[in-house]
Amino acid sequence: MRFFVTLLFLVVLSPAWAAETDWPQFRGPKRDDLSPDKGLLKKWPAEGPMLAWKSDDVGLGFSSVAIQGDFVVTMGDIGKNGCYLIATSRSTGKKLWQTKVGEVGGGGGYPGPRCTPTIDGDMAYGLGQYGDLLAVSLKDGSEVWRTNLGKEHGGKAGGWGYAESVLVDGENLVCTPGGAAATLLCVNKKDGKPVWRGAVTGGDQAGYSSVVISNATGVKQYVTLLANSLVGFAAKDGTLLWRYGNTKERFQGNTANIPTTIVKGNQLFAVAGYGRGAALLTLSGQGGKINVKEEYWSPQLKNKHGGVIQVGEYLYGDFDDSGNIWCAAAKTGKISWTRKDDSGGERSASMTFADGLLFVRFQNGVVALAEANPAKYNLLSSFKVPNGNGNCWAHPVVIGGKMYIREKETIWCYDVAAKK
């Protein structure tokens, strides 16, 4: 009886986050930026939703947040000391630990890490802008293993450095060094030792996209957008299964290929900005041989780095980095509407989806709430993050009734749950 009373006491007093869904990696559990949250506010006060907490010391950078249990993990350059993996409390925002990943800085004149950490079980993983890949204990940040994608795997990154958020799949950790020796790399997540190296003939530089999983044609494969093409590697051994878009009319020679590919059954939606466009592809075949069919190529559906999400049969994204959000039918690429409002949001727009709503974060620090409605763009609310005054590129996260906005050295955690 004493045991059961104690157990009941612990259950009653366990923190609220223990029952919430986590957001353990970039774009969420399925890397599609679709949150399972329900019961959210449909309108915010003029000054924005209620602030639950803020954490002011997470360093400079463009990393979003990964969340599991009471841990919110991000990355940032702290002064001139280095690039760090940093954990704060999901309950209070208090910093729990920080662990050095590599050096400060970054290409293109934009200092700070670009990677969003990945949490898996009792481990967290982060990739620095110079290719330092680090695995740490989630509990206290103690280092478990590290490697460098350039020095140890012959990697070749673009001018803005490494920007992908690494994928953990079962016992595998998958990332993109780029280059000819290990265009794609699979290591054991527990010790960092290589499982296989996948190569593109002649090599290809790493893009700025993150790897996703596809099971098209019954073959498990890792798909990512490189600097010059979209590729699929066999998950079991790293064999290159197919390659698409290696022409100047598609992805080849682009300034930067950044957005994460969307996977829907045997189809893929891949998009890039800087004036390029997007493709809907169908994979077919059997016996391990895969054919790629281009269903359409749309130069109108371009997106630079805000990313695109698919809700039902419709896609939502930003025209390059203009802030002009678009909605299009996924199967045809036909545009339904483009954003016209007075929210004050400008330039690049990143977004996430929850409870029928689009949570949009603009480059100038404005955050907007709109309906995910294929018939029209309907703005519901907007406000400006207090220290949001430019290059606000970290993607928003909505989970467990909270909205997390990373801006410079601060994580803002807002309460967006409707009150009962």
Protein backbone atom coordinates (compact mmCIF):
# COMPACT_ATOMS: atom_id res chain seq x y z
CA MET A 1 0.00 0.00 0.00
CA ARG A 2 2.84 2.37 0.89
CA PHE A 3 4.41 1.68 -2.56
CA PHE A 4 1.22 2.54 -4.43
CA VAL A 5 0.64 5.70 -2.40
CA THR A 6 4.19 6.82 -3.16
CA LEU A 7 3.76 6.02 -6.87
CA LEU A 8 0.49 8.00 -7.00
CA PHE A 9 2.18 10.92 -5.24
CA LEU A 10 4.99 10.98 -7.81
CA VAL A 11 2.58 10.81 -10.74
CA VAL A 12 0.52 13.70 -9.40
CA LEU A 13 3.58 15.85 -8.78
CA SER A 14 5.45 15.02 -12.00
CA PRO A 15 6.05 18.15 -14.11
CA ALA A 16 3.61 19.01 -16.88
CA TRP A 17 6.16 18.53 -19.62
CA ALA A 18 6.49 14.82 -18.79
CA ALA A 19 3.26 14.10 -20.67
CA GLU A 20 3.90 16.46 -23.57
CA THR A 21 5.11 15.52 -27.00
CA ASP A 22 8.75 16.33 -27.64
CA TRP A 23 10.40 18.07 -30.61
CA PRO A 24 13.73 16.23 -30.71
CA GLN A 25 15.17 17.58 -33.97
CA PHE A 26 14.95 20.17 -36.73
CA ARG A 27 11.38 20.36 -38.11
CA GLY A 28 10.09 17.93 -35.48
CA PRO A 29 9.88 14.16 -35.01
CA LYS A 30 9.14 13.47 -38.71
CA ARG A 31 11.10 16.44 -40.09
CA ASP A 32 7.92 17.86 -41.63
CA ASP A 33 7.29 20.83 -39.28
CA LEU A 34 3.82 19.52 -38.40
CA SER A 35 3.11 19.75 -34.67
CA PRO A 36 0.47 17.51 -33.05
CA ASP A 37 -0.56 20.31 -30.66
CA LYS A 38 -4.27 21.07 -30.26
CA GLY A 39 -6.26 23.60 -28.24
CA LEU A 40 -4.11 26.61 -29.15
CA LEU A 41 -4.98 30.30 -29.07
CA LYS A 42 -6.63 31.56 -32.28
CA LYS A 43 -5.76 35.17 -31.51
CA TRP A 44 -2.98 36.90 -29.56
CA PRO A 45 -2.91 40.21 -27.67
CA ALA A 46 -1.32 43.08 -29.60
CA GLU A 47 1.90 42.68 -27.60
CA GLY A 48 1.96 38.95 -28.32
CA PRO A 49 1.10 35.84 -26.30
CA MET A 50 2.08 35.62 -22.63
CA LEU A 51 5.79 35.10 -22.07
CA ALA A 52 6.43 31.94 -20.05
CA TRP A 53 10.18 32.54 -19.75
CA LYS A 54 13.22 33.72 -21.62
CA SER A 55 16.80 32.51 -21.59
CA ASP A 56 19.29 35.29 -22.31
CA ASP A 57 22.62 33.47 -22.59
CA VAL A 58 22.54 30.97 -25.45
CA GLY A 59 25.09 32.67 -27.68
CA LEU A 60 24.83 34.08 -31.19
CA GLY A 61 23.67 31.89 -34.02
CA PHE A 62 20.84 30.72 -36.25
CA SER A 63 20.10 27.38 -34.57
CA SER A 64 16.53 26.58 -33.59
CA VAL A 65 15.72 24.36 -30.59
CA ALA A 66 15.38 20.62 -29.97
CA ILE A 67 13.22 19.60 -27.00
CA GLN A 68 12.94 16.44 -24.93
CA GLY A 69 11.68 16.11 -21.37
CA ASP A 70 12.91 19.13 -19.42
CA PHE A 71 15.72 19.86 -21.89
CA VAL A 72 15.70 22.59 -24.55
CA VAL A 73 18.92 22.29 -26.56
CA THR A 74 20.34 24.81 -29.01
CA MET A 75 23.74 26.07 -30.20
CA GLY A 76 25.52 29.42 -30.12
CA ASP A 77 28.82 31.28 -30.32
CA ILE A 78 29.61 32.60 -26.84
CA GLY A 79 31.84 35.64 -27.14
CA LYS A 80 35.20 34.63 -28.59
CA ASN A 81 35.34 31.46 -26.51
CA GLY A 82 33.82 29.08 -29.01
CA CYS A 83 30.69 27.53 -30.48
CA TYR A 84 28.72 25.62 -27.83
CA LEU A 85 25.94 23.11 -27.44
CA ILE A 86 23.68 24.63 -24.77
CA ALA A 87 20.82 23.18 -22.73
CA THR A 88 18.23 25.12 -20.79
CA SER A 89 15.33 23.94 -18.64
CA ARG A 90 12.02 23.56 -20.44
CA SER A 91 10.27 24.52 -17.21
CA THR A 92 12.18 27.68 -16.31
CA GLY A 93 14.62 28.61 -19.09
CA LYS A 94 17.54 28.32 -16.67
CA LYS A 95 20.78 27.21 -18.31
CA LEU A 96 21.62 23.61 -17.38
CA TRP A 97 24.92 23.08 -19.18
CA GLN A 98 27.09 24.15 -22.11
CA THR A 99 29.74 22.17 -24.00
CA LYS A 100 32.21 23.52 -26.51
CA VAL A 101 31.82 22.23 -30.07
CA GLY A 102 34.37 24.26 -32.03
CA GLU A 103 35.52 27.75 -32.96
CA VAL A 104 33.40 30.88 -33.33
CA GLY A 105 32.59 32.56 -36.63
CA GLY A 106 31.05 31.44 -39.87
CA GLY A 107 31.23 32.00 -43.60
CA GLY A 108 29.54 34.73 -45.58
CA GLY A 109 29.87 37.29 -42.80
CA TYR A 110 27.21 35.62 -40.63
CA PRO A 111 28.83 34.38 -37.39
CA GLY A 112 27.33 31.57 -35.38
CA PRO A 113 26.21 27.97 -35.86
CA ARG A 114 23.39 27.10 -38.25
CA CYS A 115 22.66 23.55 -37.09
CA THR A 116 19.73 22.68 -34.84
CA PRO A 117 20.82 19.94 -32.41
CA THR A 118 19.30 16.47 -32.49
CA ILE A 119 18.24 14.65 -29.29
CA ASP A 120 17.97 10.87 -29.16
CA GLY A 121 17.41 9.05 -25.90
CA ASP A 122 20.04 10.15 -23.40
CA MET A 123 22.24 11.80 -26.03
CA ALA A 124 22.36 15.12 -27.90
CA TYR A 125 24.25 15.81 -31.14
CA GLY A 126 25.38 19.07 -32.71
CA LEU A 127 27.29 20.11 -35.83
CA GLY A 128 29.40 23.27 -35.75
CA GLN A 129 29.85 25.61 -38.68
CA TYR A 130 33.36 24.26 -39.29
CA GLY A 131 32.38 20.60 -39.41
CA ASP A 132 32.89 19.67 -35.74
CA LEU A 133 30.36 16.94 -34.96
CA LEU A 134 29.87 16.36 -31.23
CA ALA A 135 27.88 13.83 -29.19
CA VAL A 136 27.17 14.58 -25.52
CA SER A 137 25.20 13.24 -22.60
CA LEU A 138 21.83 14.97 -22.48
CA LYS A 139 21.89 14.87 -18.68
CA ASP A 140 24.98 16.99 -18.12
CA GLY A 141 26.54 17.82 -21.51
CA SER A 142 29.61 15.65 -20.95
CA GLU A 143 31.34 14.77 -24.21
CA VAL A 144 30.95 11.20 -25.48
CA TRP A 145 32.64 11.41 -28.87
CA ARG A 146 33.55 13.86 -31.60
CA THR A 147 34.75 13.96 -35.19
CA ASN A 148 35.38 16.59 -37.85
CA LEU A 149 33.70 16.19 -41.26
CA GLY A 150 36.48 17.96 -43.13
CA LYS A 151 39.63 16.75 -41.41
CA GLU A 152 38.59 13.12 -40.83
CA HIS A 153 36.19 12.46 -43.71
CA GLY A 154 37.44 14.68 -46.54
CA GLY A 155 34.35 16.86 -46.38
CA LYS A 156 33.72 19.84 -48.59
CA ALA A 157 31.31 22.51 -47.33
CA GLY A 158 29.95 25.60 -49.02
CA GLY A 159 30.91 29.21 -48.38
CA TRP A 160 28.55 29.53 -45.42
CA GLY A 161 29.99 26.48 -43.69
CA TYR A 162 28.11 23.44 -42.44
CA ALA A 163 24.45 24.13 -41.75
CA GLU A 164 22.57 20.83 -41.71
CA SER A 165 20.89 19.31 -38.68
CA VAL A 166 22.10 15.72 -38.39
CA LEU A 167 19.68 12.79 -38.59
CA VAL A 168 19.56 9.97 -36.03
CA ASP A 169 17.86 6.83 -37.36
CA GLY A 170 17.95 3.76 -35.14
CA GLU A 171 21.64 3.11 -34.44
CA ASN A 172 22.72 5.37 -37.30
CA LEU A 173 23.68 9.01 -37.33
CA VAL A 174 23.64 10.39 -40.87
CA CYS A 175 25.17 13.65 -42.10
CA THR A 176 26.65 15.26 -45.22
CA PRO A 177 30.39 15.96 -45.25
CA GLY A 178 30.30 16.54 -49.02
CA GLY A 179 33.22 15.83 -51.32
CA ALA A 180 34.18 12.70 -53.23
CA ALA A 181 35.09 10.30 -50.42
CA ALA A 182 32.07 10.67 -48.14
CA THR A 183 29.42 12.79 -49.79
CA LEU A 184 27.07 11.23 -47.25
CA LEU A 185 28.32 9.68 -44.02
CA CYS A 186 26.73 7.16 -41.67
CA VAL A 187 28.31 6.60 -38.26
CA ASN A 188 27.30 4.64 -35.19
CA LYS A 189 25.48 7.10 -32.94
CA LYS A 190 27.06 5.63 -29.78
CA ASP A 191 30.72 5.96 -30.66
CA GLY A 192 30.94 7.94 -33.92
CA LYS A 193 32.70 5.16 -35.82
CA PRO A 194 31.89 5.02 -39.55
CA VAL A 195 29.31 2.46 -40.69
CA TRP A 196 29.56 3.46 -44.36
CA ARG A 197 30.52 6.32 -46.62
CA GLY A 198 28.32 7.09 -49.62
CA ALA A 199 29.86 8.84 -52.61
CA VAL A 200 28.63 10.71 -55.66
CA THR A 201 30.83 10.03 -58.69
CA GLY A 202 33.09 13.03 -59.08
CA GLY A 203 31.93 14.29 -55.70
CA ASP A 204 29.45 16.99 -54.78
CA GLN A 205 29.79 19.75 -52.24
CA ALA A 206 27.53 19.66 -49.19
CA GLY A 207 24.46 21.81 -49.50
CA TYR A 208 22.73 23.40 -46.52
CA SER A 209 19.79 20.99 -46.40
CA SER A 210 19.11 18.24 -43.84
CA VAL A 211 18.73 14.52 -44.55
CA VAL A 212 15.26 12.91 -44.56
CA ILE A 213 14.14 9.27 -44.74
CA SER A 214 12.17 7.87 -47.68
CA ASN A 215 10.85 4.34 -48.12
CA ALA A 216 9.84 4.88 -51.74
CA THR A 217 9.51 1.67 -53.80
CA GLY A 218 10.02 -0.29 -50.56
CA VAL A 219 13.69 0.69 -50.31
CA LYS A 220 14.77 2.64 -47.25
CA GLN A 221 16.93 5.54 -48.34
CA TYR A 222 18.43 8.78 -47.08
CA VAL A 223 17.53 11.77 -49.24
CA THR A 224 19.18 15.18 -49.24
CA LEU A 225 19.76 18.22 -51.40
CA LEU A 226 23.45 18.73 -52.16
CA ALA A 227 25.10 21.79 -53.69
CA ASN A 228 24.32 20.57 -57.22
CA SER A 229 21.70 17.83 -57.02
CA LEU A 230 19.10 15.90 -55.06
CA VAL A 231 20.26 12.39 -54.13
CA GLY A 232 19.08 9.17 -52.53
CA PHE A 233 21.46 6.74 -50.79
CA ALA A 234 20.56 3.23 -49.63
CA ALA A 235 20.23 3.26 -45.84
CA LYS A 236 21.72 -0.24 -45.48
CA ASP A 237 25.07 0.37 -47.17
CA GLY A 238 25.34 3.88 -48.63
CA THR A 239 24.92 2.89 -52.28
CA LEU A 240 23.90 5.86 -54.45
CA LEU A 241 20.46 4.86 -55.73
CA TRP A 242 19.59 7.89 -57.85
CA ARG A 243 20.48 11.49 -58.58
CA TYR A 244 18.30 14.32 -59.89
CA GLY A 245 18.69 17.95 -60.88
CA ASN A 246 22.37 18.08 -61.76
CA THR A 247 21.81 20.68 -64.51
CA LYS A 248 21.95 24.45 -64.47
CA GLU A 249 18.20 24.52 -65.18
CA ARG A 250 17.56 22.76 -61.86
CA PHE A 251 19.86 22.69 -58.80
CA GLN A 252 23.36 22.69 -60.29
CA GLY A 253 25.56 25.72 -59.63
CA ASN A 254 23.00 27.47 -57.45
CA THR A 255 24.21 29.98 -54.87
CA ALA A 256 22.82 27.74 -52.13
CA ASN A 257 20.41 24.80 -51.88
CA ILE A 258 18.92 24.95 -48.39
CA PRO A 259 15.33 23.74 -47.73
CA THR A 260 14.68 20.25 -46.40
CA THR A 261 12.96 17.90 -48.86
CA ILE A 262 9.36 16.84 -48.18
CA VAL A 263 8.62 13.11 -48.35
CA LYS A 264 5.12 11.80 -49.15
CA GLY A 265 5.00 8.08 -49.98
CA ASN A 266 6.78 7.51 -53.29
CA GLN A 267 6.96 11.24 -53.97
CA LEU A 268 9.42 13.97 -53.04
CA PHE A 269 9.06 17.76 -53.12
CA ALA A 270 12.42 19.49 -53.42
CA VAL A 271 12.86 23.26 -53.56
CA ALA A 272 15.61 25.88 -53.67
CA GLY A 273 15.80 29.64 -53.72
CA TYR A 274 17.98 32.26 -55.38
CA GLY A 275 15.59 32.25 -58.33
CA ARG A 276 15.59 28.48 -58.92
CA GLY A 277 12.32 26.66 -58.15
CA ALA A 278 10.79 23.38 -57.05
CA ALA A 279 10.18 19.87 -58.35
CA LEU A 280 7.66 17.19 -57.52
CA LEU A 281 9.24 13.80 -58.19
CA THR A 282 7.88 10.27 -58.25
CA LEU A 283 10.21 7.35 -57.51
CA SER A 284 9.39 3.99 -59.06
CA GLY A 285 11.08 0.66 -59.75
CA GLN A 286 11.78 -2.67 -58.18
CA GLY A 287 14.69 -4.86 -57.18
CA GLY A 288 16.65 -1.90 -55.89
CA LYS A 289 16.66 -0.05 -59.22
CA ILE A 290 14.92 3.29 -58.83
CA ASN A 291 13.66 5.58 -61.56
CA VAL A 292 12.96 9.28 -61.00
CA LYS A 293 10.09 10.96 -62.83
CA GLU A 294 9.69 14.74 -62.75
CA GLU A 295 5.96 15.45 -62.36
CA TYR A 296 6.54 19.19 -62.64
CA TRP A 297 9.16 21.88 -62.24
CA SER A 298 7.88 25.24 -61.03
CA PRO A 299 10.16 28.31 -61.09
CA GLN A 300 7.44 30.15 -59.12
CA LEU A 301 7.69 27.91 -56.04
CA LYS A 302 11.14 28.99 -54.99
CA ASN A 303 12.22 29.18 -51.36
CA LYS A 304 15.55 30.33 -49.96
CA HIS A 305 15.88 29.18 -46.33
CA GLY A 306 12.52 29.56 -44.59
CA GLY A 307 11.50 26.05 -45.64
CA VAL A 308 8.26 24.68 -47.04
CA ILE A 309 5.61 22.65 -45.20
CA GLN A 310 2.85 20.45 -46.55
CA VAL A 311 -0.53 20.39 -44.82
CA GLY A 312 -2.89 17.91 -46.44
CA GLU A 313 -2.75 18.45 -50.19
CA TYR A 314 -1.29 21.96 -50.00
CA LEU A 315 2.16 23.47 -49.66
CA TYR A 316 3.04 26.68 -47.80
CA GLY A 317 6.28 28.59 -48.28
CA ASP A 318 7.90 31.93 -48.97
CA PHE A 319 8.82 33.31 -52.41
CA ASP A 320 12.61 33.02 -52.11
CA ASP A 321 13.15 35.29 -49.06
CA SER A 322 10.69 38.07 -49.87
CA GLY A 323 8.18 37.44 -47.08
CA ASN A 324 5.50 36.90 -49.72
CA ILE A 325 4.06 33.63 -48.46
CA TRP A 326 2.44 31.36 -51.02
CA CYS A 327 0.05 28.42 -50.94
CA ALA A 328 0.08 25.89 -53.77
CA ALA A 329 -1.48 22.55 -54.60
CA ALA A 330 1.16 19.89 -53.95
CA LYS A 331 0.15 17.67 -56.88
CA THR A 332 0.14 20.39 -59.55
CA GLY A 333 2.22 23.26 -58.20
CA LYS A 334 -0.63 25.67 -59.00
CA ILE A 335 -0.56 28.69 -56.69
CA SER A 336 -3.76 29.30 -54.71
CA TRP A 337 -2.83 32.61 -53.10
CA THR A 338 0.01 34.87 -52.01
CA ARG A 339 0.19 36.83 -48.78
CA LYS A 340 -1.08 40.39 -48.63
CA ASP A 341 -1.46 41.86 -45.11
CA ASP A 342 -0.34 44.64 -42.79
CA SER A 343 1.34 42.52 -40.12
CA GLY A 344 4.63 44.31 -40.63
CA GLY A 345 6.46 41.07 -41.41
CA GLU A 346 9.25 41.53 -43.93
CA ARG A 347 11.78 39.45 -45.84
CA SER A 348 12.49 35.76 -45.24
CA ALA A 349 9.65 33.85 -43.58
CA SER A 350 10.01 30.50 -41.81
CA MET A 351 7.01 28.70 -40.41
CA THR A 352 5.62 25.74 -38.56
CA PHE A 353 2.11 24.25 -38.36
CA ALA A 354 -0.12 23.32 -35.41
CA ASP A 355 -3.87 23.06 -34.79
CA GLY A 356 -4.88 24.38 -38.21
CA LEU A 357 -2.57 27.38 -37.84
CA LEU A 358 0.61 28.70 -39.44
CA PHE A 359 3.12 30.23 -37.02
CA VAL A 360 5.26 32.48 -39.22
CA ARG A 361 8.52 34.09 -38.20
CA PHE A 362 9.78 36.94 -40.43
CA GLN A 363 13.34 38.16 -40.86
CA ASN A 364 12.64 41.53 -39.19
CA GLY A 365 11.47 39.90 -35.92
CA VAL A 366 7.73 39.91 -36.55
CA VAL A 367 5.86 36.70 -35.67
CA ALA A 368 2.46 36.16 -37.28
CA LEU A 369 -0.41 33.74 -36.72
CA ALA A 370 -2.48 32.81 -39.77
CA GLU A 371 -4.93 30.13 -40.85
CA ALA A 372 -3.56 27.19 -42.82
CA ASN A 373 -6.30 27.79 -45.36
CA PRO A 374 -5.80 26.90 -49.04
CA ALA A 375 -8.62 29.27 -50.05
CA LYS A 376 -7.09 32.49 -48.71
CA TYR A 377 -4.42 34.01 -46.49
CA ASN A 378 -6.13 35.02 -43.27
CA LEU A 379 -3.93 36.82 -40.75
CA LEU A 380 -5.16 36.35 -37.17
CA SER A 381 -2.49 38.10 -35.07
CA SER A 382 1.06 39.41 -35.11
CA PHE A 383 3.64 40.93 -32.77
CA LYS A 384 7.35 41.73 -32.79
CA VAL A 385 9.91 39.88 -30.70
CA PRO A 386 11.54 42.49 -28.40
CA ASN A 387 15.10 41.99 -29.67
CA GLY A 388 14.12 41.01 -33.22
CA ASN A 389 15.71 43.57 -35.50
CA GLY A 390 17.17 41.70 -38.44
CA ASN A 391 18.42 38.36 -39.75
CA CYS A 392 15.84 36.52 -37.64
CA TRP A 393 16.24 33.18 -39.39
CA ALA A 394 15.96 30.50 -36.69
CA HIS A 395 12.83 28.44 -37.35
CA PRO A 396 9.97 28.68 -34.81
CA VAL A 397 8.85 25.65 -32.79
CA VAL A 398 5.37 25.03 -31.35
CA ILE A 399 4.96 22.07 -29.01
CA GLY A 400 3.31 21.35 -25.66
CA GLY A 401 1.28 24.57 -25.77
CA LYS A 402 4.44 26.69 -26.03
CA MET A 403 6.02 28.62 -28.91
CA TYR A 404 9.80 28.86 -28.92
CA ILE A 405 11.46 31.74 -30.76
CA ARG A 406 15.27 31.82 -30.89
CA GLU A 407 16.59 35.33 -31.50
CA LYS A 408 20.29 36.14 -31.22
CA GLU A 409 21.37 35.30 -27.64
CA THR A 410 17.83 34.72 -26.40
CA ILE A 411 15.23 31.96 -26.45
CA TRP A 412 11.72 33.36 -25.97
CA CYS A 413 9.17 30.83 -24.73
CA TYR A 414 5.55 31.95 -25.16
CA ASP A 415 2.39 30.33 -23.83
CA VAL A 416 0.09 29.77 -26.83
CA ALA A 417 -2.35 27.28 -25.28
CA ALA A 418 -5.98 28.33 -25.05
CA LYS A 419 -7.17 28.63 -21.46
CA LYS A 420 -9.89 26.21 -20.40
